Amino acid sequence: MAREASDPSETEIPAPLTPYLFTPELGLLAQQLDDFENLRKAQANRLRIFTRDETDSDGEMRGFALEEDNPAVIAVQINLDQLEILEHKTVLALQKAMRSNPLNEWRKTQLGVGEKTLARLLNAIGDPYVRTDNHQPRTVSQLWAYCGLHTLPSTSRLSITQDDSVEGTTLAGSQKSNETQDSIAPGTNVAAKRMKGRQANWSTIAKTRAYLIAEACVKAGVRKDADGNRYAKDGSEYAQLYIDRRNHTAETHPEWTALHSQNDALRIVSKRILRNLWRAARDIHMNDKEASIGI
């Protein structure tokens, strides 16, 4: 008892914080955008099937070859037009909500990070610095783990897929690779992967959103000179990180495919973006906390 009384810091619980960097309004609009986007894609696919009059590459005719004035085609086209309008209005509302978020000032300094993409990432992760379940601060490592960007110890002869694409999206417009690494030294940390028959303890949506932002940052910041060498536009941090990582793995893992190297670099960029976002959120919370107690 005396020891506990002399050092209360060992059992002291930090004061809870308010995860106000993610608001219900932002979440509602982001979810609504997902709904309209999915419906719009479904209607577009339906319209394509209704009107397609060509055979597929395997020689099968899967379209119905309906004319544009067919009542069914007209009905689908009307629905598609209305969904595109609703989706556009929701995007504008989501962007407006993001502009009023304190994290938008950080976003303005990040080449390639858009209002819509950041808002959708926040919908997936919540407040980057404060957990929504217990209102306690989380570490950047916890944020990475929530997004499935953590690493796990490998075991001998562990089969690891060369592809690091995200479920629900195809990075770089390519397919998954079936190549494997059959020999990894025990104790080596490897990127967390989904395993058949096991439920992952991270958010696939959050991982997807982080990867999509990383892709956008790379597209916005990476350029090539006349000799085909990559360079970072305007000194973009994420573009330079991507370039450095690709150059590094080209030397350390010459056996990797271009897809493997691409996805590995995007994973590293995703982690850097999340780290910087976490730091920005932490600074906002700490500044507000200091202001509230008059420091």
Protein backbone atom coordinates (compact mmCIF):
# COMPACT_ATOMS: atom_id res chain seq x y z
CA MET A 1 0.00 0.00 0.00
CA ALA A 2 2.82 2.39 0.86
CA ARG A 3 4.54 1.70 -2.44
CA GLU A 4 1.35 2.38 -4.40
CA ALA A 5 0.79 5.65 -2.55
CA SER A 6 4.36 6.82 -3.17
CA ASP A 7 4.14 6.32 -6.94
CA PRO A 8 0.57 6.97 -8.14
CA SER A 9 1.75 7.48 -11.73
CA GLU A 10 1.96 3.70 -12.19
CA THR A 11 -1.81 3.34 -11.97
CA GLU A 12 -2.82 6.80 -13.15
CA ILE A 13 -5.24 6.74 -16.11
CA PRO A 14 -4.94 9.62 -18.60
CA ALA A 15 -7.89 11.98 -18.77
CA PRO A 16 -10.23 11.07 -21.63
CA LEU A 17 -10.18 13.19 -24.77
CA THR A 18 -12.99 13.99 -27.16
CA PRO A 19 -12.53 12.45 -30.63
CA TYR A 20 -13.93 15.56 -32.31
CA LEU A 21 -11.71 15.35 -35.39
CA PHE A 22 -14.25 12.89 -36.72
CA THR A 23 -17.86 14.07 -36.60
CA PRO A 24 -21.16 12.24 -37.16
CA GLU A 25 -21.86 14.61 -40.07
CA LEU A 26 -18.63 13.58 -41.80
CA GLY A 27 -19.37 9.92 -41.21
CA LEU A 28 -22.96 10.15 -42.46
CA LEU A 29 -21.95 11.93 -45.65
CA ALA A 30 -19.08 9.51 -46.32
CA GLN A 31 -21.37 6.51 -45.86
CA GLN A 32 -24.01 8.10 -48.05
CA LEU A 33 -21.41 8.67 -50.74
CA ASP A 34 -20.44 4.99 -50.56
CA ASP A 35 -24.09 4.02 -51.01
CA PHE A 36 -24.67 6.28 -54.01
CA GLU A 37 -21.35 5.28 -55.59
CA ASN A 38 -22.14 1.57 -55.30
CA LEU A 39 -25.64 2.06 -56.70
CA ARG A 40 -24.31 4.16 -59.56
CA LYS A 41 -21.76 1.49 -60.47
CA ALA A 42 -24.44 -1.21 -60.33
CA GLN A 43 -26.73 0.77 -62.63
CA ALA A 44 -23.88 1.49 -65.03
CA ASN A 45 -23.07 -2.23 -65.21
CA ARG A 46 -26.73 -3.05 -65.78
CA LEU A 47 -26.96 -0.51 -68.59
CA ARG A 48 -23.85 -1.93 -70.22
CA ILE A 49 -25.27 -5.45 -70.14
CA PHE A 50 -28.60 -4.29 -71.55
CA THR A 51 -27.03 -2.49 -74.51
CA ARG A 52 -23.92 -4.58 -75.22
CA ASP A 53 -24.10 -6.09 -78.72
CA GLU A 54 -20.58 -7.55 -79.00
CA THR A 55 -19.20 -10.92 -77.96
CA ASP A 56 -16.67 -11.20 -75.15
CA SER A 57 -13.10 -12.36 -75.69
CA ASP A 58 -14.18 -15.97 -75.16
CA GLY A 59 -16.74 -15.69 -77.95
CA GLU A 60 -19.75 -15.63 -75.62
CA MET A 61 -22.50 -13.06 -76.07
CA ARG A 62 -23.47 -11.85 -72.61
CA GLY A 63 -25.24 -8.62 -73.52
CA PHE A 64 -28.89 -8.23 -74.52
CA ALA A 65 -28.25 -5.82 -77.41
CA LEU A 66 -31.27 -3.67 -76.50
CA GLU A 67 -31.82 -0.39 -78.33
CA GLU A 68 -31.50 2.95 -76.54
CA ASP A 69 -35.25 3.60 -76.89
CA ASN A 70 -36.13 0.33 -75.16
CA PRO A 71 -38.27 1.08 -72.04
CA ALA A 72 -35.98 -0.97 -69.81
CA VAL A 73 -32.90 0.86 -71.09
CA ILE A 74 -34.59 4.24 -70.66
CA ALA A 75 -35.56 3.40 -67.06
CA VAL A 76 -32.03 2.34 -66.15
CA GLN A 77 -30.55 5.42 -67.83
CA ILE A 78 -32.88 7.72 -65.87
CA ASN A 79 -31.89 6.03 -62.62
CA LEU A 80 -28.23 6.32 -63.53
CA ASP A 81 -28.55 10.04 -64.32
CA GLN A 82 -30.29 10.71 -61.00
CA LEU A 83 -27.71 8.73 -59.05
CA GLU A 84 -24.88 10.70 -60.67
CA ILE A 85 -26.57 13.94 -59.57
CA LEU A 86 -27.06 12.66 -56.01
CA GLU A 87 -23.49 11.40 -55.87
CA HIS A 88 -22.15 14.77 -57.05
CA LYS A 89 -24.20 16.68 -54.49
CA THR A 90 -23.02 14.36 -51.73
CA VAL A 91 -19.39 14.87 -52.77
CA LEU A 92 -19.85 18.65 -52.56
CA ALA A 93 -21.44 18.35 -49.10
CA LEU A 94 -18.65 16.04 -47.92
CA GLN A 95 -15.98 18.41 -49.19
CA LYS A 96 -17.68 21.32 -47.43
CA ALA A 97 -17.77 19.36 -44.17
CA MET A 98 -14.09 18.51 -44.54
CA ARG A 99 -13.15 22.17 -45.00
CA SER A 100 -14.51 22.95 -41.53
CA ASN A 101 -12.48 20.13 -39.97
CA PRO A 102 -9.28 21.26 -38.16
CA LEU A 103 -7.32 18.59 -40.08
CA ASN A 104 -8.07 20.37 -43.34
CA GLU A 105 -5.21 22.80 -42.68
CA TRP A 106 -2.83 19.84 -42.60
CA ARG A 107 -4.42 18.44 -45.75
CA LYS A 108 -3.71 21.64 -47.68
CA THR A 109 0.03 21.04 -47.23
CA GLN A 110 -0.09 17.46 -48.52
CA LEU A 111 0.28 17.15 -52.28
CA GLY A 112 -2.21 14.58 -53.55
CA VAL A 113 -4.47 14.40 -50.46
CA GLY A 114 -7.95 15.57 -51.44
CA GLU A 115 -10.88 16.65 -49.31
CA LYS A 116 -13.03 13.72 -50.36
CA THR A 117 -10.34 11.07 -49.92
CA LEU A 118 -9.30 12.33 -46.49
CA ALA A 119 -12.92 12.51 -45.34
CA ARG A 120 -13.48 8.91 -46.42
CA LEU A 121 -10.30 7.82 -44.62
CA LEU A 122 -11.50 9.54 -41.44
CA ASN A 123 -14.80 7.71 -41.80
CA ALA A 124 -12.82 4.46 -41.74
CA ILE A 125 -10.44 5.26 -38.85
CA GLY A 126 -12.28 7.88 -36.81
CA ASP A 127 -10.20 10.49 -35.00
CA PRO A 128 -6.58 9.67 -35.91
CA TYR A 129 -5.31 10.38 -32.38
CA VAL A 130 -8.19 9.45 -30.06
CA ARG A 131 -9.90 6.07 -29.89
CA THR A 132 -13.66 6.23 -30.18
CA ASP A 133 -14.32 3.31 -27.80
CA ASN A 134 -12.60 4.64 -24.67
CA HIS A 135 -11.60 8.20 -25.70
CA GLN A 136 -7.96 7.47 -24.87
CA PRO A 137 -5.00 8.46 -27.06
CA ARG A 138 -3.69 5.78 -29.40
CA THR A 139 -0.17 5.39 -30.69
CA VAL A 140 0.75 5.62 -34.34
CA SER A 141 1.57 1.91 -34.22
CA GLN A 142 -1.98 1.19 -33.10
CA LEU A 143 -3.28 3.27 -35.98
CA TRP A 144 -1.11 1.31 -38.42
CA ALA A 145 -2.35 -1.96 -36.94
CA TYR A 146 -5.97 -0.85 -37.25
CA CYS A 147 -5.33 -0.22 -40.95
CA GLY A 148 -3.58 -3.57 -41.43
CA LEU A 149 -0.20 -1.94 -42.06
CA HIS A 150 1.59 -3.54 -39.13
CA THR A 151 4.19 -6.28 -39.30
CA LEU A 152 4.22 -9.71 -37.69
CA PRO A 153 7.06 -12.14 -36.92
CA SER A 154 7.50 -14.75 -39.61
CA THR A 155 8.16 -18.45 -39.12
CA SER A 156 10.50 -20.70 -41.04
CA ARG A 157 9.21 -21.78 -44.46
CA LEU A 158 6.28 -19.37 -44.20
CA SER A 159 4.57 -18.82 -47.54
CA ILE A 160 4.04 -15.12 -48.19
CA THR A 161 2.30 -13.84 -51.29
CA GLN A 162 4.30 -11.41 -53.35
CA ASP A 163 1.24 -9.25 -53.94
CA ASP A 164 0.23 -6.70 -51.31
CA SER A 165 -2.97 -5.48 -52.97
CA VAL A 166 -5.98 -4.49 -50.90
CA GLU A 167 -9.23 -6.37 -50.88
CA GLY A 168 -11.81 -4.43 -52.85
CA THR A 169 -9.32 -2.65 -55.08
CA THR A 170 -6.66 -3.62 -57.61
CA LEU A 171 -3.53 -1.57 -57.25
CA ALA A 172 -1.78 -0.42 -60.39
CA GLY A 173 -4.54 -2.02 -62.43
CA SER A 174 -2.94 -5.43 -62.20
CA GLN A 175 -3.81 -8.88 -60.94
CA LYS A 176 -2.53 -10.71 -57.90
CA SER A 177 0.74 -12.55 -58.25
CA ASN A 178 0.98 -16.20 -57.29
CA GLU A 179 4.69 -16.00 -56.61
CA THR A 180 5.76 -16.86 -53.09
CA GLN A 181 8.72 -16.52 -50.80
CA ASP A 182 9.23 -20.01 -49.42
CA SER A 183 12.12 -19.29 -47.10
CA ILE A 184 12.08 -16.48 -44.58
CA ALA A 185 14.37 -16.43 -41.58
CA PRO A 186 12.56 -16.98 -38.25
CA GLY A 187 12.15 -13.73 -36.31
CA THR A 188 11.97 -11.60 -39.44
CA ASN A 189 9.01 -9.25 -39.44
CA VAL A 190 6.78 -9.33 -42.50
CA ALA A 191 3.73 -7.34 -43.54
CA ALA A 192 0.47 -8.65 -42.11
CA LYS A 193 -1.54 -10.66 -44.63
CA ARG A 194 -5.01 -12.10 -44.71
CA MET A 195 -4.96 -15.86 -44.22
CA LYS A 196 -7.59 -18.26 -45.45
CA GLY A 197 -9.85 -19.47 -42.68
CA ARG A 198 -8.79 -16.75 -40.23
CA GLN A 199 -10.54 -13.50 -39.45
CA ALA A 200 -8.31 -10.46 -39.73
CA ASN A 201 -8.33 -8.05 -36.79
CA TRP A 202 -7.88 -4.93 -38.90
CA SER A 203 -10.16 -2.83 -41.07
CA THR A 204 -10.03 -3.69 -44.76
CA ILE A 205 -11.84 -0.44 -45.56
CA ALA A 206 -9.29 1.63 -43.65
CA LYS A 207 -6.43 -0.14 -45.44
CA THR A 208 -8.07 0.46 -48.79
CA ARG A 209 -8.63 4.16 -48.08
CA ALA A 210 -5.02 4.60 -46.98
CA TYR A 211 -3.72 2.87 -50.12
CA LEU A 212 -5.92 4.97 -52.39
CA ILE A 213 -4.55 8.16 -50.84
CA ALA A 214 -1.02 6.83 -51.25
CA GLU A 215 -1.72 6.13 -54.92
CA ALA A 216 -3.07 9.66 -55.39
CA CYS A 217 0.00 11.17 -53.72
CA VAL A 218 2.33 9.15 -55.93
CA LYS A 219 0.44 10.13 -59.08
CA ALA A 220 0.48 13.79 -58.05
CA GLY A 221 4.13 13.89 -57.06
CA VAL A 222 6.14 11.42 -59.15
CA ARG A 223 7.41 12.57 -62.54
CA LYS A 224 9.93 11.22 -65.06
CA ASP A 225 12.68 13.12 -66.85
CA ALA A 226 13.69 12.69 -70.48
CA ASP A 227 15.79 9.65 -69.57
CA GLY A 228 12.92 7.95 -67.77
CA ASN A 229 14.29 8.56 -64.28
CA ARG A 230 11.74 9.29 -61.56
CA TYR A 231 11.88 12.51 -59.54
CA ALA A 232 9.64 14.15 -56.95
CA LYS A 233 7.57 17.10 -58.12
CA ASP A 234 7.91 20.17 -55.87
CA GLY A 235 9.89 18.11 -53.38
CA SER A 236 6.89 15.97 -52.47
CA GLU A 237 7.70 13.94 -49.35
CA TYR A 238 5.55 11.01 -50.41
CA ALA A 239 6.82 10.97 -53.99
CA GLN A 240 10.43 10.97 -52.80
CA LEU A 241 9.68 8.23 -50.29
CA TYR A 242 8.10 6.15 -53.05
CA ILE A 243 11.07 6.67 -55.37
CA ASP A 244 13.61 5.86 -52.64
CA ARG A 245 11.74 2.70 -51.69
CA ARG A 246 11.52 1.48 -55.30
CA ASN A 247 15.24 2.10 -55.76
CA HIS A 248 16.03 0.34 -52.48
CA THR A 249 14.05 -2.81 -53.23
CA ALA A 250 15.44 -2.91 -56.77
CA GLU A 251 18.85 -3.50 -55.16
CA THR A 252 17.85 -5.62 -52.17
CA HIS A 253 15.18 -7.72 -53.90
CA PRO A 254 15.99 -7.97 -57.61
CA GLU A 255 13.78 -11.06 -57.80
CA TRP A 256 10.65 -9.06 -56.98
CA THR A 257 8.17 -8.37 -59.75
CA ALA A 258 7.28 -4.79 -60.69
CA LEU A 259 3.90 -5.30 -59.02
CA HIS A 260 5.47 -6.48 -55.78
CA SER A 261 7.85 -3.52 -55.72
CA GLN A 262 5.00 -1.12 -56.53
CA ASN A 263 2.75 -2.40 -53.76
CA ASP A 264 5.57 -2.51 -51.24
CA ALA A 265 6.35 1.16 -51.92
CA LEU A 266 2.68 2.13 -51.68
CA ARG A 267 2.50 0.37 -48.34
CA ILE A 268 5.43 2.42 -47.03
CA VAL A 269 3.87 5.64 -48.34
CA SER A 270 0.55 4.71 -46.69
CA LYS A 271 2.28 4.34 -43.35
CA ARG A 272 4.02 7.72 -43.73
CA ILE A 273 0.73 9.44 -44.59
CA LEU A 274 -0.96 7.91 -41.55
CA ARG A 275 1.98 8.87 -39.34
CA ASN A 276 1.84 12.48 -40.49
CA LEU A 277 -1.95 12.54 -40.09
CA TRP A 278 -1.62 11.12 -36.58
CA ARG A 279 0.95 13.77 -35.68
CA ALA A 280 -1.27 16.55 -36.99
CA ALA A 281 -4.21 15.23 -34.97
CA ARG A 282 -2.04 14.89 -31.87
CA ASP A 283 -0.84 18.47 -32.15
CA ILE A 284 -4.40 19.76 -32.53
CA HIS A 285 -5.56 17.87 -29.44
CA MET A 286 -2.54 18.90 -27.37
CA ASN A 287 -2.83 22.56 -28.35
CA ASP A 288 -6.52 22.57 -27.48
CA LYS A 289 -5.81 20.84 -24.18
CA GLU A 290 -3.13 23.39 -23.25
CA ALA A 291 -5.44 26.24 -24.20
CA SER A 292 -8.28 24.84 -22.08
CA ILE A 293 -6.10 24.78 -18.92
CA GLY A 294 -4.51 28.15 -19.67
CA ILE A 295 -0.97 27.07 -20.44
